[in-house]
Amino acid sequence: MAITAAAVNELRKMTGAGMMDCKKALTETNGDFEAAIDLLRKKGQKISAKRADRDATEGAVIAKASADNTTGVVVRLSCETDFVAKNEDFVTLAGQLADIALENKPADIDALKALTIDGQNIGERLTEEMGKIGEKIDVTQYAITEGASVINYIHAGNRIGVLVELSVGANNAIVEAGKDVAMQIAAMNPISVDENDIPEDVKKRELEIGMEQARAEGKPEQMLEKIAMGKLNKFYKENTLTKQSFVKDSSKSVEKMLTEINSDLRVVSFERIALG
């Protein structure tokens, strides 16, 4: 198939690879972006970790937790421009939606939009706001978490909202640890709590890429699987929350930091919602 300049440029923005490398990868994979990314990685290209952010929109992300830290919600109210996203009334509306979600615990976005705000249906209120502002406004992401401890965190101008569910009931030390973990999640964007949460097809894919990289480096065939396993373990350390180096003290992992506070303390789950 013919590969357009726009497609090549899009892959370049997604990966940070060179234009010619992107064009060749797209040509060899018949325009399949994910396959092209894998091909670039197999050939040793350094790929940007931000490739999933290509559909960026503006808005405000609000994360809130209940007073007893057993429930948390995170809501993304999206808009089209940064000008609207920074408007005080827009941010206030996003906060009100989070408050309503925290109080009513809707199961999903549709259930949230069916609730009322100031006596008005939320879906209708959003339509009304669109008419006032002149651009699209909508709740595009929503998550709710309940557990022994749920800690919330909002990062830098309402651009990232995080919920962390911990295994031990909240006290000052647990809440402080939860905030640290939430900041870690905001900054490092892990793909899962640990390797047990990574789908088998993703593990297999990483092993295959590791073997191809080692083969391209001229490593002996009998060593490829061992080398690939080493690369997979490095992938876990860089991309799974509990194995990541703790950003406040790189001498220990997030897992070790938590167990030093309480031997039973661990991350059960997390939610991270971010603007593009």
Protein backbone atom coordinates (compact mmCIF):
# COMPACT_ATOMS: atom_id res chain seq x y z
CA MET A 1 0.00 0.00 0.00
CA ALA A 2 1.08 3.61 -0.55
CA ILE A 3 2.49 5.21 2.59
CA THR A 4 1.60 8.90 2.88
CA ALA A 5 3.88 11.60 4.21
CA ALA A 6 1.26 12.32 6.88
CA ALA A 7 1.42 8.71 8.13
CA VAL A 8 5.22 8.81 8.22
CA ASN A 9 5.16 12.08 10.15
CA GLU A 10 2.58 10.68 12.59
CA LEU A 11 4.77 7.64 13.32
CA ARG A 12 7.78 9.92 13.73
CA LYS A 13 5.86 11.98 16.32
CA MET A 14 4.72 8.81 18.09
CA THR A 15 8.17 7.24 18.30
CA GLY A 16 10.87 9.86 17.81
CA ALA A 17 12.50 7.67 15.11
CA GLY A 18 13.90 9.12 11.87
CA MET A 19 11.65 9.87 8.89
CA MET A 20 13.25 7.29 6.59
CA ASP A 21 13.17 4.62 9.29
CA CYS A 22 9.49 5.36 9.90
CA LYS A 23 8.66 5.19 6.19
CA LYS A 24 10.49 1.87 5.79
CA ALA A 25 8.79 0.41 8.87
CA LEU A 26 5.33 1.44 7.66
CA THR A 27 6.06 0.07 4.19
CA GLU A 28 7.18 -3.30 5.58
CA THR A 29 4.09 -3.56 7.83
CA ASN A 30 1.55 -2.31 5.26
CA GLY A 31 0.77 0.77 7.30
CA ASP A 32 0.12 -0.99 10.63
CA PHE A 33 1.34 1.52 13.24
CA GLU A 34 1.71 -0.93 16.15
CA ALA A 35 3.52 -3.47 13.97
CA ALA A 36 5.76 -0.66 12.67
CA ILE A 37 6.61 0.35 16.25
CA ASP A 38 7.52 -3.26 17.07
CA LEU A 39 9.68 -3.46 13.93
CA LEU A 40 11.54 -0.28 14.87
CA ARG A 41 12.15 -1.65 18.36
CA LYS A 42 13.40 -4.97 17.00
CA LYS A 43 15.91 -3.05 14.89
CA GLY A 44 17.18 -1.30 18.00
CA GLN A 45 15.46 2.05 17.58
CA LYS A 46 14.96 4.09 20.76
CA ILE A 47 11.21 4.61 20.86
CA SER A 48 9.50 7.42 22.75
CA ALA A 49 7.38 6.25 25.69
CA LYS A 50 4.75 8.86 24.85
CA ARG A 51 3.50 7.36 21.60
CA ALA A 52 0.01 6.74 23.03
CA ASP A 53 -0.63 10.46 23.48
CA ARG A 54 -1.31 11.22 19.80
CA ASP A 55 -4.99 12.06 20.37
CA ALA A 56 -4.28 14.87 22.83
CA THR A 57 -7.15 17.10 24.05
CA GLU A 58 -7.39 19.75 26.73
CA GLY A 59 -9.40 19.72 29.94
CA ALA A 60 -9.15 19.21 33.69
CA VAL A 61 -8.61 16.00 35.64
CA ILE A 62 -9.88 15.91 39.22
CA ALA A 63 -9.16 13.09 41.72
CA LYS A 64 -10.91 13.05 45.11
CA ALA A 65 -11.15 10.66 48.05
CA SER A 66 -13.70 10.30 50.83
CA ALA A 67 -12.94 11.61 54.32
CA ASP A 68 -12.21 8.08 55.56
CA ASN A 69 -10.05 7.28 52.49
CA THR A 70 -12.04 4.18 51.57
CA THR A 71 -13.40 5.51 48.27
CA GLY A 72 -11.88 7.60 45.50
CA VAL A 73 -12.95 8.92 42.11
CA VAL A 74 -11.11 10.53 39.22
CA VAL A 75 -12.94 12.46 36.50
CA ARG A 76 -11.65 13.95 33.27
CA LEU A 77 -13.71 16.83 31.90
CA SER A 78 -12.45 17.49 28.38
CA CYS A 79 -12.57 20.58 26.22
CA GLU A 80 -10.90 21.74 23.02
CA THR A 81 -8.60 24.56 24.09
CA ASP A 82 -6.14 25.36 26.84
CA PHE A 83 -7.89 28.71 27.28
CA VAL A 84 -11.11 26.99 28.41
CA ALA A 85 -9.24 24.34 30.43
CA LYS A 86 -7.66 27.03 32.61
CA ASN A 87 -10.91 28.92 33.12
CA GLU A 88 -11.89 28.97 36.81
CA ASP A 89 -15.53 28.13 36.09
CA PHE A 90 -14.52 25.11 33.98
CA VAL A 91 -12.23 23.74 36.70
CA THR A 92 -14.94 24.37 39.31
CA LEU A 93 -17.43 22.40 37.21
CA ALA A 94 -14.97 19.50 36.95
CA GLY A 95 -14.58 19.55 40.73
CA GLN A 96 -18.35 19.54 41.22
CA LEU A 97 -18.67 16.50 38.96
CA ALA A 98 -16.03 14.71 41.03
CA ASP A 99 -17.90 15.59 44.24
CA ILE A 100 -21.16 14.22 42.81
CA ALA A 101 -19.38 11.06 41.65
CA LEU A 102 -17.81 10.57 45.08
CA GLU A 103 -21.17 10.98 46.81
CA ASN A 104 -23.21 8.79 44.44
CA LYS A 105 -20.62 6.25 43.25
CA PRO A 106 -21.91 5.85 39.68
CA ALA A 107 -20.63 2.76 37.86
CA ASP A 108 -19.58 4.51 34.64
CA ILE A 109 -19.67 7.76 32.65
CA ASP A 110 -23.24 7.27 31.46
CA ALA A 111 -24.43 6.74 35.04
CA LEU A 112 -22.52 9.83 36.14
CA LYS A 113 -24.04 11.99 33.39
CA ALA A 114 -27.52 10.75 34.38
CA LEU A 115 -27.12 12.32 37.84
CA THR A 116 -28.06 15.91 38.63
CA ILE A 117 -26.06 19.04 39.39
CA ASP A 118 -27.89 21.99 40.98
CA GLY A 119 -31.17 20.24 40.11
CA GLN A 120 -30.21 19.80 36.45
CA ASN A 121 -29.25 16.62 34.58
CA ILE A 122 -25.45 16.58 34.16
CA GLY A 123 -25.67 15.63 30.48
CA GLU A 124 -27.98 18.59 29.85
CA ARG A 125 -25.71 20.88 31.88
CA LEU A 126 -22.74 19.94 29.72
CA THR A 127 -24.74 20.67 26.56
CA GLU A 128 -25.73 24.03 28.02
CA GLU A 129 -22.09 24.83 28.83
CA MET A 130 -21.07 23.95 25.26
CA GLY A 131 -23.56 26.53 24.00
CA LYS A 132 -22.11 29.18 26.31
CA ILE A 133 -18.45 28.48 25.62
CA GLY A 134 -18.68 27.52 21.95
CA GLU A 135 -16.60 24.35 22.05
CA LYS A 136 -17.12 20.70 22.88
CA ILE A 137 -17.17 19.80 26.59
CA ASP A 138 -17.67 16.26 27.85
CA VAL A 139 -16.75 13.77 30.56
CA THR A 140 -14.39 11.50 28.66
CA GLN A 141 -12.86 9.39 31.45
CA TYR A 142 -14.03 8.32 34.87
CA ALA A 143 -12.92 5.74 37.43
CA ILE A 144 -13.95 4.79 40.95
CA THR A 145 -11.93 2.77 43.48
CA GLU A 146 -12.92 1.38 46.87
CA GLY A 147 -10.61 -0.38 49.34
CA ALA A 148 -8.86 -0.41 52.72
CA SER A 149 -7.12 2.87 51.78
CA VAL A 150 -7.65 4.97 48.67
CA ILE A 151 -5.37 7.98 48.24
CA ASN A 152 -5.91 10.71 45.63
CA TYR A 153 -3.44 13.03 43.92
CA ILE A 154 -3.78 15.79 41.31
CA HIS A 155 -0.65 16.77 39.42
CA ALA A 156 0.37 20.11 37.89
CA GLY A 157 -2.57 22.20 36.82
CA ASN A 158 -5.14 19.40 36.84
CA ARG A 159 -3.41 17.59 34.00
CA ILE A 160 -3.06 14.20 35.76
CA GLY A 161 -5.27 12.58 38.38
CA VAL A 162 -4.26 9.45 40.31
CA LEU A 163 -5.97 7.06 42.72
CA VAL A 164 -3.95 4.49 44.67
CA GLU A 165 -5.58 1.59 46.52
CA LEU A 166 -3.45 0.28 49.41
CA SER A 167 -3.88 -2.91 51.42
CA VAL A 168 -3.81 -1.33 54.91
CA GLY A 169 -6.33 1.03 56.51
CA ALA A 170 -5.50 4.73 56.44
CA ASN A 171 -3.50 6.57 59.09
CA ASN A 172 -1.14 9.51 58.68
CA ALA A 173 1.82 7.33 57.64
CA ILE A 174 -0.26 5.30 55.16
CA VAL A 175 -1.78 8.42 53.60
CA GLU A 176 1.68 9.99 53.25
CA ALA A 177 3.03 6.82 51.63
CA GLY A 178 0.02 6.74 49.32
CA LYS A 179 0.70 10.32 48.23
CA ASP A 180 4.30 9.39 47.45
CA VAL A 181 3.17 6.39 45.39
CA ALA A 182 0.57 8.49 43.59
CA MET A 183 3.22 11.07 42.67
CA GLN A 184 5.40 8.21 41.42
CA ILE A 185 2.54 6.99 39.22
CA ALA A 186 1.94 10.50 37.87
CA ALA A 187 5.60 10.99 37.03
CA MET A 188 6.66 7.52 35.86
CA ASN A 189 3.41 6.24 34.29
CA PRO A 190 3.79 2.50 35.11
CA ILE A 191 1.74 0.09 33.02
CA SER A 192 0.73 -2.15 35.94
CA VAL A 193 1.18 -2.78 39.68
CA ASP A 194 3.63 -5.67 39.05
CA GLU A 195 4.55 -8.28 36.44
CA ASN A 196 1.59 -10.48 37.43
CA ASP A 197 -0.76 -7.85 35.95
CA ILE A 198 0.97 -7.78 32.57
CA PRO A 199 -0.89 -9.84 29.93
CA GLU A 200 0.95 -12.91 28.66
CA ASP A 201 0.84 -11.63 25.08
CA VAL A 202 2.73 -8.49 26.16
CA LYS A 203 5.38 -10.59 27.94
CA LYS A 204 5.73 -12.78 24.85
CA ARG A 205 6.02 -9.72 22.66
CA GLU A 206 8.78 -8.24 24.84
CA LEU A 207 10.68 -11.55 24.82
CA GLU A 208 10.48 -11.73 21.02
CA ILE A 209 11.70 -8.17 20.70
CA GLY A 210 14.54 -8.88 23.14
CA MET A 211 15.62 -11.96 21.19
CA GLU A 212 15.55 -10.07 17.89
CA GLN A 213 17.59 -7.24 19.39
CA ALA A 214 20.19 -9.70 20.73
CA ARG A 215 20.29 -11.53 17.39
CA ALA A 216 20.82 -8.22 15.56
CA GLU A 217 23.72 -7.51 17.93
CA GLY A 218 25.35 -10.79 16.86
CA LYS A 219 24.88 -12.65 20.13
CA PRO A 220 25.13 -16.50 19.99
CA GLU A 221 21.81 -18.23 19.26
CA GLN A 222 21.99 -20.32 22.45
CA MET A 223 22.24 -17.13 24.51
CA LEU A 224 19.28 -15.31 22.97
CA GLU A 225 16.60 -16.54 25.37
CA LYS A 226 18.69 -15.75 28.47
CA ILE A 227 19.49 -12.28 27.15
CA ALA A 228 15.82 -11.70 26.31
CA MET A 229 14.82 -12.71 29.84
CA GLY A 230 17.26 -10.15 31.20
CA LYS A 231 15.68 -7.51 28.98
CA LEU A 232 12.22 -8.59 30.15
CA ASN A 233 13.26 -8.19 33.80
CA LYS A 234 14.57 -4.73 32.94
CA PHE A 235 11.21 -4.00 31.31
CA TYR A 236 9.48 -5.00 34.58
CA LYS A 237 11.77 -2.74 36.61
CA GLU A 238 11.13 0.24 34.36
CA ASN A 239 7.42 -0.25 33.74
CA THR A 240 5.80 -1.94 36.75
CA LEU A 241 5.05 0.23 39.76
CA THR A 242 6.33 -1.91 42.62
CA LYS A 243 9.61 -2.74 40.84
CA GLN A 244 10.36 0.86 39.81
CA SER A 245 13.02 2.76 41.71
CA PHE A 246 11.32 5.03 44.23
CA VAL A 247 11.64 8.58 42.88
CA LYS A 248 12.36 10.06 46.32
CA ASP A 249 15.08 7.49 47.10
CA SER A 250 16.44 5.57 44.11
CA SER A 251 18.32 3.15 46.41
CA LYS A 252 15.05 1.27 47.01
CA SER A 253 12.07 0.10 44.99
CA VAL A 254 8.52 1.32 45.59
CA GLU A 255 7.74 -2.12 47.01
CA LYS A 256 10.59 -1.88 49.54
CA MET A 257 9.60 1.64 50.55
CA LEU A 258 6.09 0.44 51.38
CA THR A 259 7.13 -2.64 53.35
CA GLU A 260 9.52 -0.52 55.43
CA ILE A 261 6.48 1.45 56.60
CA ASN A 262 4.31 -1.62 57.23
CA SER A 263 5.21 -5.21 56.37
CA ASP A 264 1.66 -5.79 55.09
CA LEU A 265 1.50 -2.60 53.01
CA ARG A 266 1.23 -3.09 49.26
CA VAL A 267 -0.42 -1.49 46.25
CA VAL A 268 -3.62 -3.31 45.32
CA SER A 269 -4.52 -1.20 42.28
CA PHE A 270 -4.18 2.27 40.79
CA GLU A 271 -5.92 4.55 38.32
CA ARG A 272 -4.09 7.20 36.32
CA ILE A 273 -5.98 9.58 34.03
CA ALA A 274 -4.01 12.22 32.14
CA LEU A 275 -4.48 14.82 29.46
CA GLY A 276 -2.59 14.09 26.25
